Amino acid sequence: MLFIFKTILAGLLIAFSSWLAGYYPKMAGFIIALPIASLIAILYTYFEHNNAENTIIFAKSILVAVPVSYLFFIPFFFAKQLSMNFWFLYFLGIFLLILGYFIHKFLVNFL
């Protein structure tokens, strides 16, 4: 039951933000950028498993992953200079995100 509640809450946040992006894209971007998902996930992790050490490692992993995840957005930032279509930029961002996964994997070994 808790899993279903968490799924609905996350879905509502994403659905609301994508709806809001049609009217106020800057505000929607700000809302999505907030660590709301991290706040909720860290809290749920602690309460579900009651393991402070694992929850702290989880939070540190998120801290490392956030800047690495920005790799996805780099092609969009340079969209005008690259003069590429949306799909190329999108898949280039996914490629960079996959590269970011390996960077994250390397960095979290130091936690």
PDB file of N, CA and C in Angstrom:
ATOM      1  N   MET A   1       0.830  -1.200   0.000  1.00  0.00           N
ATOM      2  CA  MET A   1       0.000   0.000   0.000  1.00  0.00           C
ATOM      3  C   MET A   1       0.873   1.263   0.000  1.00  0.00           C
ATOM      4  N   LEU A   2       1.967   1.233   0.779  1.00  0.00           N
ATOM      5  CA  LEU A   2       2.871   2.374   0.825  1.00  0.00           C
ATOM      6  C   LEU A   2       3.507   2.610  -0.543  1.00  0.00           C
ATOM      7  N   PHE A   3       3.853   1.532  -1.230  1.00  0.00           N
ATOM      8  CA  PHE A   3       4.445   1.637  -2.560  1.00  0.00           C
ATOM      9  C   PHE A   3       3.482   2.336  -3.515  1.00  0.00           C
ATOM     10  N   ILE A   4       2.228   1.980  -3.465  1.00  0.00           N
ATOM     11  CA  ILE A   4       1.218   2.593  -4.340  1.00  0.00           C
ATOM     12  C   ILE A   4       1.080   4.078  -4.026  1.00  0.00           C
ATOM     13  N   PHE A   5       1.062   4.420  -2.742  1.00  0.00           N
ATOM     14  CA  PHE A   5       0.973   5.825  -2.332  1.00  0.00           C
ATOM     15  C   PHE A   5       2.164   6.613  -2.864  1.00  0.00           C
ATOM     16  N   LYS A   6       3.371   6.069  -2.724  1.00  0.00           N
ATOM     17  CA  LYS A   6       4.573   6.753  -3.191  1.00  0.00           C
ATOM     18  C   LYS A   6       4.550   6.911  -4.711  1.00  0.00           C
ATOM     19  N   THR A   7       4.080   5.903  -5.402  1.00  0.00           N
ATOM     20  CA  THR A   7       3.997   5.956  -6.862  1.00  0.00           C
ATOM     21  C   THR A   7       3.023   7.036  -7.310  1.00  0.00           C
ATOM     22  N   ILE A   8       1.881   7.102  -6.668  1.00  0.00           N
ATOM     23  CA  ILE A   8       0.874   8.118  -7.011  1.00  0.00           C
ATOM     24  C   ILE A   8       1.398   9.516  -6.722  1.00  0.00           C
ATOM     25  N   LEU A   9       2.061   9.697  -5.579  1.00  0.00           N
ATOM     26  CA  LEU A   9       2.608  11.000  -5.215  1.00  0.00           C
ATOM     27  C   LEU A   9       3.644  11.459  -6.238  1.00  0.00           C
ATOM     28  N   ALA A  10       4.557  10.581  -6.617  1.00  0.00           N
ATOM     29  CA  ALA A  10       5.585  10.928  -7.609  1.00  0.00           C
ATOM     30  C   ALA A  10       4.938  11.226  -8.958  1.00  0.00           C
ATOM     31  N   GLY A  11       3.975  10.426  -9.348  1.00  0.00           N
ATOM     32  CA  GLY A  11       3.278  10.644 -10.616  1.00  0.00           C
ATOM     33  C   GLY A  11       2.550  11.972 -10.642  1.00  0.00           C
ATOM     34  N   LEU A  12       1.916  12.317  -9.543  1.00  0.00           N
ATOM     35  CA  LEU A  12       1.208  13.596  -9.469  1.00  0.00           C
ATOM     36  C   LEU A  12       2.174  14.769  -9.587  1.00  0.00           C
ATOM     37  N   LEU A  13       3.330  14.669  -8.971  1.00  0.00           N
ATOM     38  CA  LEU A  13       4.325  15.732  -9.045  1.00  0.00           C
ATOM     39  C   LEU A  13       4.790  15.924 -10.488  1.00  0.00           C
ATOM     40  N   ILE A  14       5.074  14.834 -11.171  1.00  0.00           N
ATOM     41  CA  ILE A  14       5.517  14.912 -12.565  1.00  0.00           C
ATOM     42  C   ILE A  14       4.387  15.433 -13.460  1.00  0.00           C
ATOM     43  N   ALA A  15       3.187  14.903 -13.270  1.00  0.00           N
ATOM     44  CA  ALA A  15       2.049  15.330 -14.093  1.00  0.00           C
ATOM     45  C   ALA A  15       1.754  16.817 -13.886  1.00  0.00           C
ATOM     46  N   PHE A  16       1.781  17.265 -12.640  1.00  0.00           N
ATOM     47  CA  PHE A  16       1.530  18.676 -12.356  1.00  0.00           C
ATOM     48  C   PHE A  16       2.580  19.558 -13.021  1.00  0.00           C
ATOM     49  N   SER A  17       3.838  19.163 -12.910  1.00  0.00           N
ATOM     50  CA  SER A  17       4.919  19.968 -13.485  1.00  0.00           C
ATOM     51  C   SER A  17       4.845  20.019 -14.999  1.00  0.00           C
ATOM     52  N   SER A  18       4.521  18.897 -15.640  1.00  0.00           N
ATOM     53  CA  SER A  18       4.416  18.920 -17.101  1.00  0.00           C
ATOM     54  C   SER A  18       3.209  19.745 -17.543  1.00  0.00           C
ATOM     55  N   TRP A  19       2.126  19.716 -16.789  1.00  0.00           N
ATOM     56  CA  TRP A  19       0.962  20.549 -17.091  1.00  0.00           C
ATOM     57  C   TRP A  19       1.338  22.024 -16.923  1.00  0.00           C
ATOM     58  N   LEU A  20       2.005  22.339 -15.819  1.00  0.00           N
ATOM     59  CA  LEU A  20       2.394  23.720 -15.528  1.00  0.00           C
ATOM     60  C   LEU A  20       3.366  24.256 -16.578  1.00  0.00           C
ATOM     61  N   ALA A  21       4.203  23.381 -17.131  1.00  0.00           N
ATOM     62  CA  ALA A  21       5.182  23.798 -18.141  1.00  0.00           C
ATOM     63  C   ALA A  21       4.511  24.379 -19.379  1.00  0.00           C
ATOM     64  N   GLY A  22       3.280  23.978 -19.659  1.00  0.00           N
ATOM     65  CA  GLY A  22       2.553  24.534 -20.788  1.00  0.00           C
ATOM     66  C   GLY A  22       2.166  25.985 -20.588  1.00  0.00           C
ATOM     67  N   TYR A  23       2.082  26.427 -19.336  1.00  0.00           N
ATOM     68  CA  TYR A  23       1.660  27.785 -19.016  1.00  0.00           C
ATOM     69  C   TYR A  23       2.802  28.629 -18.449  1.00  0.00           C
ATOM     70  N   TYR A  24       3.577  28.041 -17.570  1.00  0.00           N
ATOM     71  CA  TYR A  24       4.678  28.728 -16.903  1.00  0.00           C
ATOM     72  C   TYR A  24       5.916  27.821 -16.911  1.00  0.00           C
ATOM     73  N   PRO A  25       6.602  27.713 -18.054  1.00  0.00           N
ATOM     74  CA  PRO A  25       7.712  26.767 -18.143  1.00  0.00           C
ATOM     75  C   PRO A  25       8.851  27.057 -17.176  1.00  0.00           C
ATOM     76  N   LYS A  26       9.098  28.318 -16.884  1.00  0.00           N
ATOM     77  CA  LYS A  26      10.178  28.642 -15.935  1.00  0.00           C
ATOM     78  C   LYS A  26       9.827  28.167 -14.524  1.00  0.00           C
ATOM     79  N   MET A  27       8.592  28.364 -14.125  1.00  0.00           N
ATOM     80  CA  MET A  27       8.155  27.919 -12.797  1.00  0.00           C
ATOM     81  C   MET A  27       8.179  26.393 -12.718  1.00  0.00           C
ATOM     82  N   ALA A  28       7.719  25.720 -13.764  1.00  0.00           N
ATOM     83  CA  ALA A  28       7.716  24.253 -13.785  1.00  0.00           C
ATOM     84  C   ALA A  28       9.141  23.715 -13.699  1.00  0.00           C
ATOM     85  N   GLY A  29      10.064  24.348 -14.404  1.00  0.00           N
ATOM     86  CA  GLY A  29      11.462  23.937 -14.341  1.00  0.00           C
ATOM     87  C   GLY A  29      12.024  24.096 -12.944  1.00  0.00           C
ATOM     88  N   PHE A  30      11.650  25.182 -12.289  1.00  0.00           N
ATOM     89  CA  PHE A  30      12.119  25.394 -10.913  1.00  0.00           C
ATOM     90  C   PHE A  30      11.573  24.329  -9.974  1.00  0.00           C
ATOM     91  N   ILE A  31      10.293  24.000 -10.116  1.00  0.00           N
ATOM     92  CA  ILE A  31       9.676  22.989  -9.247  1.00  0.00           C
ATOM     93  C   ILE A  31      10.344  21.634  -9.446  1.00  0.00           C
ATOM     94  N   ILE A  32      10.578  21.248 -10.699  1.00  0.00           N
ATOM     95  CA  ILE A  32      11.206  19.965 -10.973  1.00  0.00           C
ATOM     96  C   ILE A  32      12.634  19.942 -10.446  1.00  0.00           C
ATOM     97  N   ALA A  33      13.312  21.093 -10.486  1.00  0.00           N
ATOM     98  CA  ALA A  33      14.696  21.157 -10.021  1.00  0.00           C
ATOM     99  C   ALA A  33      14.807  21.065  -8.500  1.00  0.00           C
ATOM    100  N   LEU A  34      13.735  21.356  -7.803  1.00  0.00           N
ATOM    101  CA  LEU A  34      13.780  21.253  -6.335  1.00  0.00           C
ATOM    102  C   LEU A  34      14.029  19.801  -5.933  1.00  0.00           C
ATOM    103  N   PRO A  35      14.700  19.604  -4.832  1.00  0.00           N
ATOM    104  CA  PRO A  35      14.976  18.220  -4.417  1.00  0.00           C
ATOM    105  C   PRO A  35      13.789  17.559  -3.713  1.00  0.00           C
ATOM    106  N   ILE A  36      12.582  17.822  -4.205  1.00  0.00           N
ATOM    107  CA  ILE A  36      11.385  17.267  -3.579  1.00  0.00           C
ATOM    108  C   ILE A  36      11.428  15.743  -3.594  1.00  0.00           C
ATOM    109  N   ALA A  37      11.774  15.184  -4.740  1.00  0.00           N
ATOM    110  CA  ALA A  37      11.839  13.720  -4.825  1.00  0.00           C
ATOM    111  C   ALA A  37      12.885  13.172  -3.866  1.00  0.00           C
ATOM    112  N   SER A  38      14.013  13.851  -3.762  1.00  0.00           N
ATOM    113  CA  SER A  38      15.055  13.397  -2.844  1.00  0.00           C
ATOM    114  C   SER A  38      14.597  13.510  -1.388  1.00  0.00           C
ATOM    115  N   LEU A  39      13.952  14.601  -1.072  1.00  0.00           N
ATOM    116  CA  LEU A  39      13.438  14.773   0.302  1.00  0.00           C
ATOM    117  C   LEU A  39      12.496  13.633   0.676  1.00  0.00           C
ATOM    118  N   ILE A  40      11.591  13.342  -0.229  1.00  0.00           N
ATOM    119  CA  ILE A  40      10.608  12.282   0.027  1.00  0.00           C
ATOM    120  C   ILE A  40      11.285  10.916   0.075  1.00  0.00           C
ATOM    121  N   ALA A  41      12.166  10.640  -0.895  1.00  0.00           N
ATOM    122  CA  ALA A  41      12.811   9.330  -0.963  1.00  0.00           C
ATOM    123  C   ALA A  41      13.704   9.068   0.241  1.00  0.00           C
ATOM    124  N   ILE A  42      14.434  10.079   0.692  1.00  0.00           N
ATOM    125  CA  ILE A  42      15.305   9.901   1.869  1.00  0.00           C
ATOM    126  C   ILE A  42      14.461   9.624   3.105  1.00  0.00           C
ATOM    127  N   LEU A  43      13.396  10.358   3.264  1.00  0.00           N
ATOM    128  CA  LEU A  43      12.511  10.145   4.414  1.00  0.00           C
ATOM    129  C   LEU A  43      11.889   8.754   4.384  1.00  0.00           C
ATOM    130  N   TYR A  44      11.342   8.368   3.223  1.00  0.00           N
ATOM    131  CA  TYR A  44      10.744   7.037   3.095  1.00  0.00           C
ATOM    132  C   TYR A  44      11.770   5.930   3.331  1.00  0.00           C
ATOM    133  N   THR A  45      12.973   6.117   2.819  1.00  0.00           N
ATOM    134  CA  THR A  45      14.019   5.102   2.997  1.00  0.00           C
ATOM    135  C   THR A  45      14.308   4.886   4.472  1.00  0.00           C
ATOM    136  N   TYR A  46      14.435   5.975   5.204  1.00  0.00           N
ATOM    137  CA  TYR A  46      14.721   5.835   6.632  1.00  0.00           C
ATOM    138  C   TYR A  46      13.568   5.138   7.363  1.00  0.00           C
ATOM    139  N   PHE A  47      12.354   5.570   7.093  1.00  0.00           N
ATOM    140  CA  PHE A  47      11.217   4.975   7.801  1.00  0.00           C
ATOM    141  C   PHE A  47      10.958   3.526   7.399  1.00  0.00           C
ATOM    142  N   GLU A  48      11.198   3.188   6.142  1.00  0.00           N
ATOM    143  CA  GLU A  48      10.974   1.803   5.701  1.00  0.00           C
ATOM    144  C   GLU A  48      12.016   0.839   6.242  1.00  0.00           C
ATOM    145  N   HIS A  49      13.270   1.266   6.259  1.00  0.00           N
ATOM    146  CA  HIS A  49      14.355   0.362   6.621  1.00  0.00           C
ATOM    147  C   HIS A  49      14.951   0.641   7.991  1.00  0.00           C
ATOM    148  N   ASN A  50      14.649   1.809   8.551  1.00  0.00           N
ATOM    149  CA  ASN A  50      15.133   2.198   9.873  1.00  0.00           C
ATOM    150  C   ASN A  50      16.640   1.984  10.001  1.00  0.00           C
ATOM    151  N   ASN A  51      17.371   2.385   8.952  1.00  0.00           N
ATOM    152  CA  ASN A  51      18.809   2.205   8.907  1.00  0.00           C
ATOM    153  C   ASN A  51      19.440   3.543   8.536  1.00  0.00           C
ATOM    154  N   ALA A  52      19.893   4.272   9.557  1.00  0.00           N
ATOM    155  CA  ALA A  52      20.441   5.613   9.339  1.00  0.00           C
ATOM    156  C   ALA A  52      21.687   5.565   8.457  1.00  0.00           C
ATOM    157  N   GLU A  53      22.543   4.578   8.640  1.00  0.00           N
ATOM    158  CA  GLU A  53      23.789   4.495   7.875  1.00  0.00           C
ATOM    159  C   GLU A  53      23.509   4.351   6.371  1.00  0.00           C
ATOM    160  N   ASN A  54      22.612   3.440   6.012  1.00  0.00           N
ATOM    161  CA  ASN A  54      22.271   3.270   4.592  1.00  0.00           C
ATOM    162  C   ASN A  54      21.565   4.503   4.027  1.00  0.00           C
ATOM    163  N   THR A  55      20.754   5.144   4.839  1.00  0.00           N
ATOM    164  CA  THR A  55      20.060   6.346   4.386  1.00  0.00           C
ATOM    165  C   THR A  55      21.057   7.468   4.131  1.00  0.00           C
ATOM    166  N   ILE A  56      22.071   7.582   4.969  1.00  0.00           N
ATOM    167  CA  ILE A  56      23.101   8.603   4.778  1.00  0.00           C
ATOM    168  C   ILE A  56      23.914   8.318   3.505  1.00  0.00           C
ATOM    169  N   ILE A  57      24.246   7.062   3.270  1.00  0.00           N
ATOM    170  CA  ILE A  57      24.952   6.695   2.039  1.00  0.00           C
ATOM    171  C   ILE A  57      24.078   7.025   0.827  1.00  0.00           C
ATOM    172  N   PHE A  58      22.795   6.732   0.926  1.00  0.00           N
ATOM    173  CA  PHE A  58      21.835   7.052  -0.133  1.00  0.00           C
ATOM    174  C   PHE A  58      21.844   8.556  -0.418  1.00  0.00           C
ATOM    175  N   ALA A  59      21.808   9.377   0.634  1.00  0.00           N
ATOM    176  CA  ALA A  59      21.807  10.836   0.471  1.00  0.00           C
ATOM    177  C   ALA A  59      23.113  11.315  -0.160  1.00  0.00           C
ATOM    178  N   LYS A  60      24.230  10.734   0.237  1.00  0.00           N
ATOM    179  CA  LYS A  60      25.514  11.104  -0.360  1.00  0.00           C
ATOM    180  C   LYS A  60      25.552  10.738  -1.841  1.00  0.00           C
ATOM    181  N   SER A  61      24.982   9.596  -2.176  1.00  0.00           N
ATOM    182  CA  SER A  61      24.927   9.174  -3.570  1.00  0.00           C
ATOM    183  C   SER A  61      24.109  10.156  -4.397  1.00  0.00           C
ATOM    184  N   ILE A  62      23.028  10.649  -3.831  1.00  0.00           N
ATOM    185  CA  ILE A  62      22.207  11.653  -4.511  1.00  0.00           C
ATOM    186  C   ILE A  62      23.017  12.930  -4.721  1.00  0.00           C
ATOM    187  N   LEU A  63      23.758  13.337  -3.689  1.00  0.00           N
ATOM    188  CA  LEU A  63      24.575  14.547  -3.781  1.00  0.00           C
ATOM    189  C   LEU A  63      25.574  14.447  -4.935  1.00  0.00           C
ATOM    190  N   VAL A  64      26.184  13.292  -5.108  1.00  0.00           N
ATOM    191  CA  VAL A  64      27.127  13.083  -6.206  1.00  0.00           C
ATOM    192  C   VAL A  64      26.372  13.024  -7.539  1.00  0.00           C
ATOM    193  N   ALA A  65      25.213  12.400  -7.554  1.00  0.00           N
ATOM    194  CA  ALA A  65      24.472  12.184  -8.795  1.00  0.00           C
ATOM    195  C   ALA A  65      23.870  13.467  -9.368  1.00  0.00           C
ATOM    196  N   VAL A  66      23.515  14.407  -8.534  1.00  0.00           N
ATOM    197  CA  VAL A  66      22.853  15.617  -9.037  1.00  0.00           C
ATOM    198  C   VAL A  66      23.735  16.368 -10.032  1.00  0.00           C
ATOM    199  N   PRO A  67      24.960  16.742  -9.678  1.00  0.00           N
ATOM    200  CA  PRO A  67      25.750  17.448 -10.692  1.00  0.00           C
ATOM    201  C   PRO A  67      26.093  16.575 -11.904  1.00  0.00           C
ATOM    202  N   VAL A  68      26.271  15.287 -11.693  1.00  0.00           N
ATOM    203  CA  VAL A  68      26.548  14.383 -12.816  1.00  0.00           C
ATOM    204  C   VAL A  68      25.347  14.328 -13.755  1.00  0.00           C
ATOM    205  N   SER A  69      24.144  14.384 -13.199  1.00  0.00           N
ATOM    206  CA  SER A  69      22.939  14.313 -14.039  1.00  0.00           C
ATOM    207  C   SER A  69      22.780  15.543 -14.919  1.00  0.00           C
ATOM    208  N   TYR A  70      23.460  16.621 -14.599  1.00  0.00           N
ATOM    209  CA  TYR A  70      23.397  17.820 -15.439  1.00  0.00           C
ATOM    210  C   TYR A  70      23.973  17.573 -16.827  1.00  0.00           C
ATOM    211  N   LEU A  71      24.752  16.522 -16.974  1.00  0.00           N
ATOM    212  CA  LEU A  71      25.308  16.190 -18.288  1.00  0.00           C
ATOM    213  C   LEU A  71      24.207  16.065 -19.342  1.00  0.00           C
ATOM    214  N   PHE A  72      23.038  15.574 -18.929  1.00  0.00           N
ATOM    215  CA  PHE A  72      21.916  15.429 -19.864  1.00  0.00           C
ATOM    216  C   PHE A  72      21.542  16.758 -20.515  1.00  0.00           C
ATOM    217  N   PHE A  73      21.647  17.843 -19.768  1.00  0.00           N
ATOM    218  CA  PHE A  73      21.170  19.141 -20.236  1.00  0.00           C
ATOM    219  C   PHE A  73      22.179  19.902 -21.082  1.00  0.00           C
ATOM    220  N   ILE A  74      23.432  19.470 -21.112  1.00  0.00           N
ATOM    221  CA  ILE A  74      24.471  20.198 -21.841  1.00  0.00           C
ATOM    222  C   ILE A  74      24.122  20.384 -23.323  1.00  0.00           C
ATOM    223  N   PRO A  75      23.680  19.346 -24.036  1.00  0.00           N
ATOM    224  CA  PRO A  75      23.332  19.579 -25.448  1.00  0.00           C
ATOM    225  C   PRO A  75      22.230  20.628 -25.643  1.00  0.00           C
ATOM    226  N   PHE A  76      21.264  20.674 -24.733  1.00  0.00           N
ATOM    227  CA  PHE A  76      20.173  21.650 -24.851  1.00  0.00           C
ATOM    228  C   PHE A  76      20.681  23.067 -24.609  1.00  0.00           C
ATOM    229  N   PHE A  77      21.655  23.185 -23.712  1.00  0.00           N
ATOM    230  CA  PHE A  77      22.230  24.494 -23.410  1.00  0.00           C
ATOM    231  C   PHE A  77      22.923  25.067 -24.646  1.00  0.00           C
ATOM    232  N   PHE A  78      23.536  24.174 -25.434  1.00  0.00           N
ATOM    233  CA  PHE A  78      24.248  24.600 -26.633  1.00  0.00           C
ATOM    234  C   PHE A  78      23.447  24.342 -27.910  1.00  0.00           C
ATOM    235  N   ALA A  79      22.144  24.262 -27.796  1.00  0.00           N
ATOM    236  CA  ALA A  79      21.288  23.911 -28.937  1.00  0.00           C
ATOM    237  C   ALA A  79      21.471  24.862 -30.118  1.00  0.00           C
ATOM    238  N   LYS A  80      21.518  26.151 -29.874  1.00  0.00           N
ATOM    239  CA  LYS A  80      21.661  27.105 -30.979  1.00  0.00           C
ATOM    240  C   LYS A  80      23.018  26.956 -31.658  1.00  0.00           C
ATOM    241  N   GLN A  81      24.069  26.783 -30.864  1.00  0.00           N
ATOM    242  CA  GLN A  81      25.403  26.651 -31.434  1.00  0.00           C
ATOM    243  C   GLN A  81      25.561  25.339 -32.191  1.00  0.00           C
ATOM    244  N   LEU A  82      24.900  24.266 -31.721  1.00  0.00           N
ATOM    245  CA  LEU A  82      25.011  22.962 -32.369  1.00  0.00           C
ATOM    246  C   LEU A  82      24.123  22.845 -33.604  1.00  0.00           C
ATOM    247  N   SER A  83      23.082  23.669 -33.674  1.00  0.00           N
ATOM    248  CA  SER A  83      22.126  23.656 -34.789  1.00  0.00           C
ATOM    249  C   SER A  83      21.641  22.239 -35.112  1.00  0.00           C
ATOM    250  N   MET A  84      21.309  21.490 -34.097  1.00  0.00           N
ATOM    251  CA  MET A  84      20.813  20.130 -34.273  1.00  0.00           C
ATOM    252  C   MET A  84      19.329  20.088 -33.925  1.00  0.00           C
ATOM    253  N   ASN A  85      18.642  19.057 -34.427  1.00  0.00           N
ATOM    254  CA  ASN A  85      17.224  18.934 -34.114  1.00  0.00           C
ATOM    255  C   ASN A  85      17.031  18.387 -32.702  1.00  0.00           C
ATOM    256  N   PHE A  86      15.806  18.475 -32.237  1.00  0.00           N
ATOM    257  CA  PHE A  86      15.481  18.079 -30.864  1.00  0.00           C
ATOM    258  C   PHE A  86      15.913  16.652 -30.566  1.00  0.00           C
ATOM    259  N   TRP A  87      15.611  15.721 -31.452  1.00  0.00           N
ATOM    260  CA  TRP A  87      15.875  14.307 -31.167  1.00  0.00           C
ATOM    261  C   TRP A  87      17.366  14.015 -31.055  1.00  0.00           C
ATOM    262  N   PHE A  88      18.162  14.671 -31.879  1.00  0.00           N
ATOM    263  CA  PHE A  88      19.606  14.489 -31.760  1.00  0.00           C
ATOM    264  C   PHE A  88      20.086  14.999 -30.405  1.00  0.00           C
ATOM    265  N   LEU A  89      19.616  16.189 -30.018  1.00  0.00           N
ATOM    266  CA  LEU A  89      19.989  16.761 -28.718  1.00  0.00           C
ATOM    267  C   LEU A  89      19.549  15.854 -27.571  1.00  0.00           C
ATOM    268  N   TYR A  90      18.333  15.334 -27.702  1.00  0.00           N
ATOM    269  CA  TYR A  90      17.775  14.480 -26.660  1.00  0.00           C
ATOM    270  C   TYR A  90      18.608  13.207 -26.486  1.00  0.00           C
ATOM    271  N   PHE A  91      18.918  12.532 -27.586  1.00  0.00           N
ATOM    272  CA  PHE A  91      19.681  11.289 -27.499  1.00  0.00           C
ATOM    273  C   PHE A  91      21.143  11.539 -27.145  1.00  0.00           C
ATOM    274  N   LEU A  92      21.679  12.673 -27.544  1.00  0.00           N
ATOM    275  CA  LEU A  92      23.025  13.039 -27.102  1.00  0.00           C
ATOM    276  C   LEU A  92      23.031  13.248 -25.587  1.00  0.00           C
ATOM    277  N   GLY A  93      21.973  13.873 -25.075  1.00  0.00           N
ATOM    278  CA  GLY A  93      21.836  14.043 -23.628  1.00  0.00           C
ATOM    279  C   GLY A  93      21.748  12.710 -22.906  1.00  0.00           C
ATOM    280  N   ILE A  94      21.011  11.768 -23.467  1.00  0.00           N
ATOM    281  CA  ILE A  94      20.915  10.432 -22.861  1.00  0.00           C
ATOM    282  C   ILE A  94      22.277   9.741 -22.890  1.00  0.00           C
ATOM    283  N   PHE A  95      23.002   9.873 -24.002  1.00  0.00           N
ATOM    284  CA  PHE A  95      24.345   9.301 -24.076  1.00  0.00           C
ATOM    285  C   PHE A  95      25.236   9.885 -22.977  1.00  0.00           C
ATOM    286  N   LEU A  96      25.197  11.209 -22.816  1.00  0.00           N
ATOM    287  CA  LEU A  96      25.992  11.846 -21.771  1.00  0.00           C
ATOM    288  C   LEU A  96      25.551  11.404 -20.377  1.00  0.00           C
ATOM    289  N   LEU A  97      24.254  11.165 -20.214  1.00  0.00           N
ATOM    290  CA  LEU A  97      23.741  10.679 -18.938  1.00  0.00           C
ATOM    291  C   LEU A  97      24.258   9.276 -18.645  1.00  0.00           C
ATOM    292  N   ILE A  98      24.332   8.438 -19.657  1.00  0.00           N
ATOM    293  CA  ILE A  98      24.897   7.093 -19.477  1.00  0.00           C
ATOM    294  C   ILE A  98      26.370   7.209 -19.089  1.00  0.00           C
ATOM    295  N   LEU A  99      27.085   8.100 -19.737  1.00  0.00           N
ATOM    296  CA  LEU A  99      28.471   8.359 -19.349  1.00  0.00           C
ATOM    297  C   LEU A  99      28.527   8.834 -17.898  1.00  0.00           C
ATOM    298  N   GLY A 100      27.575   9.672 -17.530  1.00  0.00           N
ATOM    299  CA  GLY A 100      27.486  10.172 -16.156  1.00  0.00           C
ATOM    300  C   GLY A 100      27.277   9.064 -15.139  1.00  0.00           C
ATOM    301  N   TYR A 101      26.561   8.020 -15.532  1.00  0.00           N
ATOM    302  CA  TYR A 101      26.359   6.889 -14.631  1.00  0.00           C
ATOM    303  C   TYR A 101      27.709   6.287 -14.229  1.00  0.00           C
ATOM    304  N   PHE A 102      28.592   6.133 -15.189  1.00  0.00           N
ATOM    305  CA  PHE A 102      29.902   5.551 -14.899  1.00  0.00           C
ATOM    306  C   PHE A 102      30.764   6.497 -14.059  1.00  0.00           C
ATOM    307  N   ILE A 103      30.603   7.801 -14.278  1.00  0.00           N
ATOM    308  CA  ILE A 103      31.289   8.784 -13.430  1.00  0.00           C
ATOM    309  C   ILE A 103      30.768   8.676 -12.006  1.00  0.00           C
ATOM    310  N   HIS A 104      29.447   8.579 -11.858  1.00  0.00           N
ATOM    311  CA  HIS A 104      28.824   8.436 -10.539  1.00  0.00           C
ATOM    312  C   HIS A 104      29.310   7.166  -9.852  1.00  0.00           C
ATOM    313  N   LYS A 105      29.311   6.084 -10.604  1.00  0.00           N
ATOM    314  CA  LYS A 105      29.747   4.796 -10.051  1.00  0.00           C
ATOM    315  C   LYS A 105      31.177   4.893  -9.521  1.00  0.00           C
ATOM    316  N   PHE A 106      32.038   5.593 -10.239  1.00  0.00           N
ATOM    317  CA  PHE A 106      33.419   5.777  -9.812  1.00  0.00           C
ATOM    318  C   PHE A 106      33.488   6.641  -8.551  1.00  0.00           C
ATOM    319  N   LEU A 107      32.745   7.766  -8.554  1.00  0.00           N
ATOM    320  CA  LEU A 107      32.821   8.706  -7.448  1.00  0.00           C
ATOM    321  C   LEU A 107      32.249   8.164  -6.141  1.00  0.00           C
ATOM    322  N   VAL A 108      31.169   7.378  -6.219  1.00  0.00           N
ATOM    323  CA  VAL A 108      30.552   6.898  -4.971  1.00  0.00           C
ATOM    324  C   VAL A 108      31.421   5.873  -4.256  1.00  0.00           C
ATOM    325  N   ASN A 109      32.414   5.337  -4.921  1.00  0.00           N
ATOM    326  CA  ASN A 109      33.330   4.418  -4.242  1.00  0.00           C
ATOM    327  C   ASN A 109      34.127   5.121  -3.145  1.00  0.00           C
ATOM    328  N   PHE A 110      34.157   6.456  -3.171  1.00  0.00           N
ATOM    329  CA  PHE A 110      34.886   7.209  -2.163  1.00  0.00           C
ATOM    330  C   PHE A 110      34.004   7.601  -0.982  1.00  0.00           C
ATOM    331  N   LEU A 111      32.738   7.221  -0.986  1.00  0.00           N
ATOM    332  CA  LEU A 111      31.822   7.590   0.124  1.00  0.00           C
ATOM    333  C   LEU A 111      32.122   6.795   1.359  1.00  0.00           C
TER     334      LEU A 111
END
